Amino acid sequence: MVEATAGHTNRPSRVAYLILASLAGGSKHGYALTKDVESFAGVRIAPGSLYEALARLEDQGLIEPLDSADRRRPYRLTANGAAVLDDHLRAQEAILTEGRRRLRQSWNLA
């Protein structure tokens, strides 16, 4: 399993994209986010990195907190967050497609 940390730039970090991908499936609080990311990406997000990334994503308008009756604070993806995630995933798909094409061509890999 890989451990991820939050980045320090204005553009979303790897952790941020994992959080956005998790929230694309519905709202979640911090612990549920970490478990979801661990299940689909095999990445454990440290609590400090998680909450730093959540604060940055909220400041950027990519996620928003929801009201909660208990101490857990759920978040949901905003429309802007969905668009940013979609752009990122499209770019990753292009890299995957080209990388696989080159491997097949140069290394005869299927």
N, C-alpha and C. Protein backbone atom coordinates (compact mmCIF):
# COMPACT_ATOMS: atom_id res chain seq x y z
N MET A 1 0.84 -1.17 0.00
CA MET A 1 0.00 0.00 0.00
C MET A 1 0.89 1.24 0.00
N VAL A 2 0.46 2.27 -0.69
CA VAL A 2 1.20 3.51 -0.82
C VAL A 2 0.61 4.51 0.17
N GLU A 3 1.46 5.34 0.77
CA GLU A 3 0.96 6.43 1.62
C GLU A 3 1.14 7.73 0.88
N ALA A 4 0.10 8.53 0.83
CA ALA A 4 0.13 9.78 0.09
C ALA A 4 0.11 10.96 1.06
N THR A 5 0.73 12.06 0.64
CA THR A 5 0.69 13.29 1.41
C THR A 5 0.17 14.41 0.53
N ALA A 6 -0.31 15.45 1.16
CA ALA A 6 -0.86 16.58 0.41
C ALA A 6 0.26 17.43 -0.17
N GLY A 7 0.00 18.03 -1.34
CA GLY A 7 0.96 18.92 -1.98
C GLY A 7 0.79 20.35 -1.50
N HIS A 8 1.69 21.23 -1.93
CA HIS A 8 1.66 22.62 -1.48
C HIS A 8 1.63 23.57 -2.66
N THR A 9 0.78 23.32 -3.64
CA THR A 9 0.65 24.19 -4.79
C THR A 9 -0.81 24.61 -4.93
N ASN A 10 -1.09 25.50 -5.85
CA ASN A 10 -2.48 25.91 -6.08
C ASN A 10 -3.25 24.87 -6.87
N ARG A 11 -2.56 23.99 -7.54
CA ARG A 11 -3.22 22.94 -8.32
C ARG A 11 -3.43 21.75 -7.40
N PRO A 12 -4.55 21.05 -7.55
CA PRO A 12 -4.80 19.91 -6.66
C PRO A 12 -3.68 18.88 -6.69
N SER A 13 -3.40 18.32 -5.51
CA SER A 13 -2.36 17.30 -5.36
C SER A 13 -2.94 15.92 -5.65
N ARG A 14 -2.07 14.93 -5.60
CA ARG A 14 -2.52 13.54 -5.78
C ARG A 14 -3.59 13.19 -4.76
N VAL A 15 -3.35 13.58 -3.50
CA VAL A 15 -4.32 13.33 -2.45
C VAL A 15 -5.65 14.00 -2.79
N ALA A 16 -5.59 15.23 -3.28
CA ALA A 16 -6.80 15.97 -3.61
C ALA A 16 -7.60 15.24 -4.69
N TYR A 17 -6.92 14.75 -5.72
CA TYR A 17 -7.64 14.03 -6.77
C TYR A 17 -8.25 12.74 -6.25
N LEU A 18 -7.59 12.07 -5.33
CA LEU A 18 -8.16 10.87 -4.72
C LEU A 18 -9.42 11.23 -3.92
N ILE A 19 -9.37 12.34 -3.20
CA ILE A 19 -10.53 12.80 -2.44
C ILE A 19 -11.66 13.16 -3.39
N LEU A 20 -11.36 13.89 -4.45
CA LEU A 20 -12.39 14.26 -5.43
C LEU A 20 -13.02 13.01 -6.04
N ALA A 21 -12.19 12.02 -6.37
CA ALA A 21 -12.71 10.78 -6.95
C ALA A 21 -13.63 10.06 -5.97
N SER A 22 -13.25 10.06 -4.70
CA SER A 22 -14.09 9.42 -3.70
C SER A 22 -15.43 10.15 -3.57
N LEU A 23 -15.37 11.48 -3.51
CA LEU A 23 -16.60 12.26 -3.36
C LEU A 23 -17.47 12.24 -4.61
N ALA A 24 -16.91 11.86 -5.75
CA ALA A 24 -17.72 11.71 -6.97
C ALA A 24 -18.78 10.64 -6.77
N GLY A 25 -18.54 9.72 -5.85
CA GLY A 25 -19.50 8.66 -5.56
C GLY A 25 -20.52 9.02 -4.50
N GLY A 26 -20.41 10.22 -3.93
CA GLY A 26 -21.35 10.66 -2.90
C GLY A 26 -20.62 11.30 -1.73
N SER A 27 -21.37 11.98 -0.90
CA SER A 27 -20.76 12.69 0.24
C SER A 27 -20.21 11.70 1.27
N LYS A 28 -19.13 12.14 1.93
CA LYS A 28 -18.48 11.31 2.95
C LYS A 28 -17.78 12.20 3.97
N HIS A 29 -17.63 11.67 5.18
CA HIS A 29 -16.82 12.34 6.19
C HIS A 29 -15.39 11.79 6.10
N GLY A 30 -14.47 12.39 6.87
CA GLY A 30 -13.05 12.07 6.76
C GLY A 30 -12.70 10.59 6.83
N TYR A 31 -13.18 9.89 7.85
CA TYR A 31 -12.83 8.48 7.99
C TYR A 31 -13.36 7.66 6.82
N ALA A 32 -14.59 7.93 6.40
CA ALA A 32 -15.17 7.21 5.26
C ALA A 32 -14.37 7.49 3.99
N LEU A 33 -13.90 8.72 3.84
CA LEU A 33 -13.06 9.07 2.69
C LEU A 33 -11.79 8.23 2.68
N THR A 34 -11.10 8.16 3.83
CA THR A 34 -9.85 7.41 3.87
C THR A 34 -10.07 5.94 3.56
N LYS A 35 -11.13 5.37 4.08
CA LYS A 35 -11.42 3.95 3.82
C LYS A 35 -11.79 3.73 2.35
N ASP A 36 -12.55 4.63 1.77
CA ASP A 36 -12.93 4.50 0.36
C ASP A 36 -11.70 4.59 -0.54
N VAL A 37 -10.85 5.59 -0.30
CA VAL A 37 -9.63 5.74 -1.11
C VAL A 37 -8.75 4.51 -0.97
N GLU A 38 -8.63 4.02 0.25
CA GLU A 38 -7.83 2.82 0.47
C GLU A 38 -8.38 1.63 -0.33
N SER A 39 -9.71 1.53 -0.42
CA SER A 39 -10.31 0.39 -1.12
C SER A 39 -10.17 0.50 -2.63
N PHE A 40 -10.32 1.69 -3.22
CA PHE A 40 -10.26 1.77 -4.68
C PHE A 40 -8.88 2.11 -5.23
N ALA A 41 -8.00 2.69 -4.40
CA ALA A 41 -6.69 3.10 -4.92
C ALA A 41 -5.52 2.43 -4.21
N GLY A 42 -5.78 1.76 -3.09
CA GLY A 42 -4.69 1.14 -2.35
C GLY A 42 -3.77 2.16 -1.70
N VAL A 43 -4.29 3.35 -1.43
CA VAL A 43 -3.50 4.44 -0.86
C VAL A 43 -4.08 4.80 0.50
N ARG A 44 -3.21 4.87 1.49
CA ARG A 44 -3.63 5.30 2.83
C ARG A 44 -3.28 6.78 2.96
N ILE A 45 -4.28 7.60 3.21
CA ILE A 45 -4.07 9.03 3.40
C ILE A 45 -3.94 9.28 4.90
N ALA A 46 -2.81 9.84 5.31
CA ALA A 46 -2.59 10.17 6.72
C ALA A 46 -3.58 11.26 7.14
N PRO A 47 -4.06 11.23 8.39
CA PRO A 47 -5.05 12.22 8.83
C PRO A 47 -4.63 13.67 8.60
N GLY A 48 -3.40 14.02 8.89
CA GLY A 48 -2.94 15.39 8.67
C GLY A 48 -3.02 15.79 7.21
N SER A 49 -2.63 14.88 6.32
CA SER A 49 -2.69 15.15 4.89
C SER A 49 -4.14 15.26 4.42
N LEU A 50 -5.00 14.41 4.97
CA LEU A 50 -6.42 14.44 4.60
C LEU A 50 -7.04 15.79 4.93
N TYR A 51 -6.88 16.23 6.17
CA TYR A 51 -7.56 17.45 6.60
C TYR A 51 -6.93 18.70 5.98
N GLU A 52 -5.65 18.66 5.71
CA GLU A 52 -5.01 19.76 4.97
C GLU A 52 -5.58 19.84 3.55
N ALA A 53 -5.71 18.69 2.89
CA ALA A 53 -6.25 18.66 1.53
C ALA A 53 -7.73 19.07 1.52
N LEU A 54 -8.51 18.62 2.50
CA LEU A 54 -9.92 19.01 2.57
C LEU A 54 -10.06 20.52 2.71
N ALA A 55 -9.24 21.13 3.57
CA ALA A 55 -9.29 22.59 3.75
C ALA A 55 -8.93 23.31 2.46
N ARG A 56 -7.91 22.83 1.76
CA ARG A 56 -7.49 23.46 0.50
C ARG A 56 -8.57 23.30 -0.57
N LEU A 57 -9.15 22.11 -0.68
CA LEU A 57 -10.21 21.87 -1.66
C LEU A 57 -11.44 22.73 -1.37
N GLU A 58 -11.76 22.90 -0.10
CA GLU A 58 -12.89 23.75 0.27
C GLU A 58 -12.58 25.21 -0.09
N ASP A 59 -11.36 25.66 0.22
CA ASP A 59 -10.96 27.04 -0.13
C ASP A 59 -11.02 27.29 -1.63
N GLN A 60 -10.73 26.25 -2.42
CA GLN A 60 -10.74 26.37 -3.88
C GLN A 60 -12.14 26.20 -4.47
N GLY A 61 -13.13 25.91 -3.63
CA GLY A 61 -14.49 25.74 -4.10
C GLY A 61 -14.75 24.43 -4.81
N LEU A 62 -13.88 23.43 -4.58
CA LEU A 62 -14.04 22.14 -5.26
C LEU A 62 -14.88 21.16 -4.44
N ILE A 63 -14.95 21.39 -3.14
CA ILE A 63 -15.82 20.61 -2.26
C ILE A 63 -16.51 21.57 -1.30
N GLU A 64 -17.57 21.08 -0.65
CA GLU A 64 -18.24 21.91 0.36
C GLU A 64 -18.68 21.02 1.50
N PRO A 65 -18.64 21.57 2.73
CA PRO A 65 -19.09 20.79 3.88
C PRO A 65 -20.61 20.75 3.92
N LEU A 66 -21.11 19.70 4.51
CA LEU A 66 -22.56 19.55 4.71
C LEU A 66 -22.86 19.65 6.20
N ASP A 67 -24.07 20.04 6.53
CA ASP A 67 -24.49 20.06 7.93
C ASP A 67 -24.52 18.63 8.45
N SER A 68 -24.22 18.49 9.73
CA SER A 68 -24.20 17.17 10.33
C SER A 68 -24.76 17.25 11.74
N ALA A 69 -25.47 16.22 12.15
CA ALA A 69 -26.04 16.16 13.48
C ALA A 69 -25.01 15.70 14.52
N ASP A 70 -23.92 15.09 14.07
CA ASP A 70 -22.90 14.63 15.02
C ASP A 70 -21.57 15.34 14.73
N ARG A 71 -20.50 14.88 15.35
CA ARG A 71 -19.21 15.57 15.22
C ARG A 71 -18.52 15.30 13.88
N ARG A 72 -18.94 14.28 13.15
CA ARG A 72 -18.35 14.01 11.84
C ARG A 72 -18.83 15.06 10.84
N ARG A 73 -17.90 15.55 10.04
CA ARG A 73 -18.25 16.60 9.08
C ARG A 73 -18.19 16.03 7.66
N PRO A 74 -19.33 15.76 7.04
CA PRO A 74 -19.30 15.24 5.67
C PRO A 74 -19.03 16.35 4.66
N TYR A 75 -18.46 15.95 3.53
CA TYR A 75 -18.18 16.86 2.42
C TYR A 75 -18.81 16.29 1.16
N ARG A 76 -19.09 17.19 0.22
CA ARG A 76 -19.57 16.75 -1.09
C ARG A 76 -18.83 17.53 -2.17
N LEU A 77 -18.80 16.94 -3.33
CA LEU A 77 -18.19 17.53 -4.51
C LEU A 77 -19.07 18.68 -5.01
N THR A 78 -18.45 19.78 -5.44
CA THR A 78 -19.20 20.86 -6.09
C THR A 78 -19.17 20.63 -7.60
N ALA A 79 -19.96 21.39 -8.33
CA ALA A 79 -19.94 21.28 -9.79
C ALA A 79 -18.55 21.62 -10.33
N ASN A 80 -17.91 22.62 -9.75
CA ASN A 80 -16.55 22.98 -10.17
C ASN A 80 -15.58 21.84 -9.86
N GLY A 81 -15.75 21.20 -8.71
CA GLY A 81 -14.91 20.05 -8.35
C GLY A 81 -15.08 18.90 -9.33
N ALA A 82 -16.31 18.65 -9.75
CA ALA A 82 -16.58 17.59 -10.73
C ALA A 82 -15.90 17.90 -12.05
N ALA A 83 -15.94 19.17 -12.47
CA ALA A 83 -15.30 19.57 -13.73
C ALA A 83 -13.78 19.43 -13.65
N VAL A 84 -13.20 19.83 -12.53
CA VAL A 84 -11.75 19.70 -12.35
C VAL A 84 -11.34 18.23 -12.37
N LEU A 85 -12.09 17.39 -11.67
CA LEU A 85 -11.80 15.95 -11.66
C LEU A 85 -11.94 15.36 -13.05
N ASP A 86 -12.99 15.73 -13.77
CA ASP A 86 -13.19 15.21 -15.12
C ASP A 86 -12.03 15.61 -16.05
N ASP A 87 -11.58 16.85 -15.97
CA ASP A 87 -10.43 17.29 -16.78
C ASP A 87 -9.19 16.47 -16.45
N HIS A 88 -8.95 16.26 -15.16
CA HIS A 88 -7.79 15.48 -14.72
C HIS A 88 -7.87 14.04 -15.24
N LEU A 89 -9.03 13.43 -15.12
CA LEU A 89 -9.19 12.04 -15.57
C LEU A 89 -9.03 11.92 -17.07
N ARG A 90 -9.51 12.89 -17.82
CA ARG A 90 -9.33 12.88 -19.28
C ARG A 90 -7.84 12.95 -19.63
N ALA A 91 -7.10 13.80 -18.93
CA ALA A 91 -5.65 13.91 -19.18
C ALA A 91 -4.95 12.61 -18.83
N GLN A 92 -5.35 11.97 -17.73
CA GLN A 92 -4.76 10.69 -17.35
C GLN A 92 -5.08 9.60 -18.36
N GLU A 93 -6.29 9.62 -18.89
CA GLU A 93 -6.66 8.64 -19.93
C GLU A 93 -5.80 8.81 -21.17
N ALA A 94 -5.52 10.05 -21.56
CA ALA A 94 -4.67 10.30 -22.72
C ALA A 94 -3.26 9.77 -22.49
N ILE A 95 -2.73 9.97 -21.28
CA ILE A 95 -1.40 9.46 -20.95
C ILE A 95 -1.40 7.93 -20.97
N LEU A 96 -2.43 7.32 -20.39
CA LEU A 96 -2.53 5.85 -20.39
C LEU A 96 -2.59 5.30 -21.81
N THR A 97 -3.41 5.91 -22.63
CA THR A 97 -3.56 5.44 -24.01
C THR A 97 -2.23 5.52 -24.76
N GLU A 98 -1.56 6.65 -24.66
CA GLU A 98 -0.29 6.82 -25.37
C GLU A 98 0.80 5.93 -24.79
N GLY A 99 0.86 5.82 -23.48
CA GLY A 99 1.86 4.94 -22.87
C GLY A 99 1.68 3.49 -23.28
N ARG A 100 0.44 3.01 -23.29
CA ARG A 100 0.18 1.63 -23.71
C ARG A 100 0.50 1.43 -25.19
N ARG A 101 0.17 2.43 -26.01
CA ARG A 101 0.48 2.34 -27.44
C ARG A 101 1.99 2.20 -27.64
N ARG A 102 2.75 2.99 -26.92
CA ARG A 102 4.21 2.94 -27.05
C ARG A 102 4.78 1.62 -26.55
N LEU A 103 4.24 1.10 -25.46
CA LEU A 103 4.69 -0.19 -24.96
C LEU A 103 4.42 -1.30 -25.96
N ARG A 104 3.22 -1.30 -26.54
CA ARG A 104 2.88 -2.33 -27.55
C ARG A 104 3.82 -2.22 -28.74
N GLN A 105 4.09 -1.00 -29.16
CA GLN A 105 4.91 -0.77 -30.34
C GLN A 105 6.38 -1.14 -30.09
N SER A 106 6.94 -0.71 -28.99
CA SER A 106 8.36 -0.89 -28.73
C SER A 106 8.72 -2.18 -28.01
N TRP A 107 7.81 -2.70 -27.21
CA TRP A 107 8.13 -3.85 -26.38
C TRP A 107 7.25 -5.06 -26.66
N ASN A 108 6.39 -4.95 -27.63
CA ASN A 108 5.50 -6.05 -28.00
C ASN A 108 4.67 -6.55 -26.83
N LEU A 109 4.23 -5.60 -26.00
CA LEU A 109 3.37 -5.95 -24.87
C LEU A 109 1.91 -5.78 -25.28
N ALA A 110 1.08 -6.66 -24.78
CA ALA A 110 -0.35 -6.62 -25.11
C ALA A 110 -1.09 -5.57 -24.35
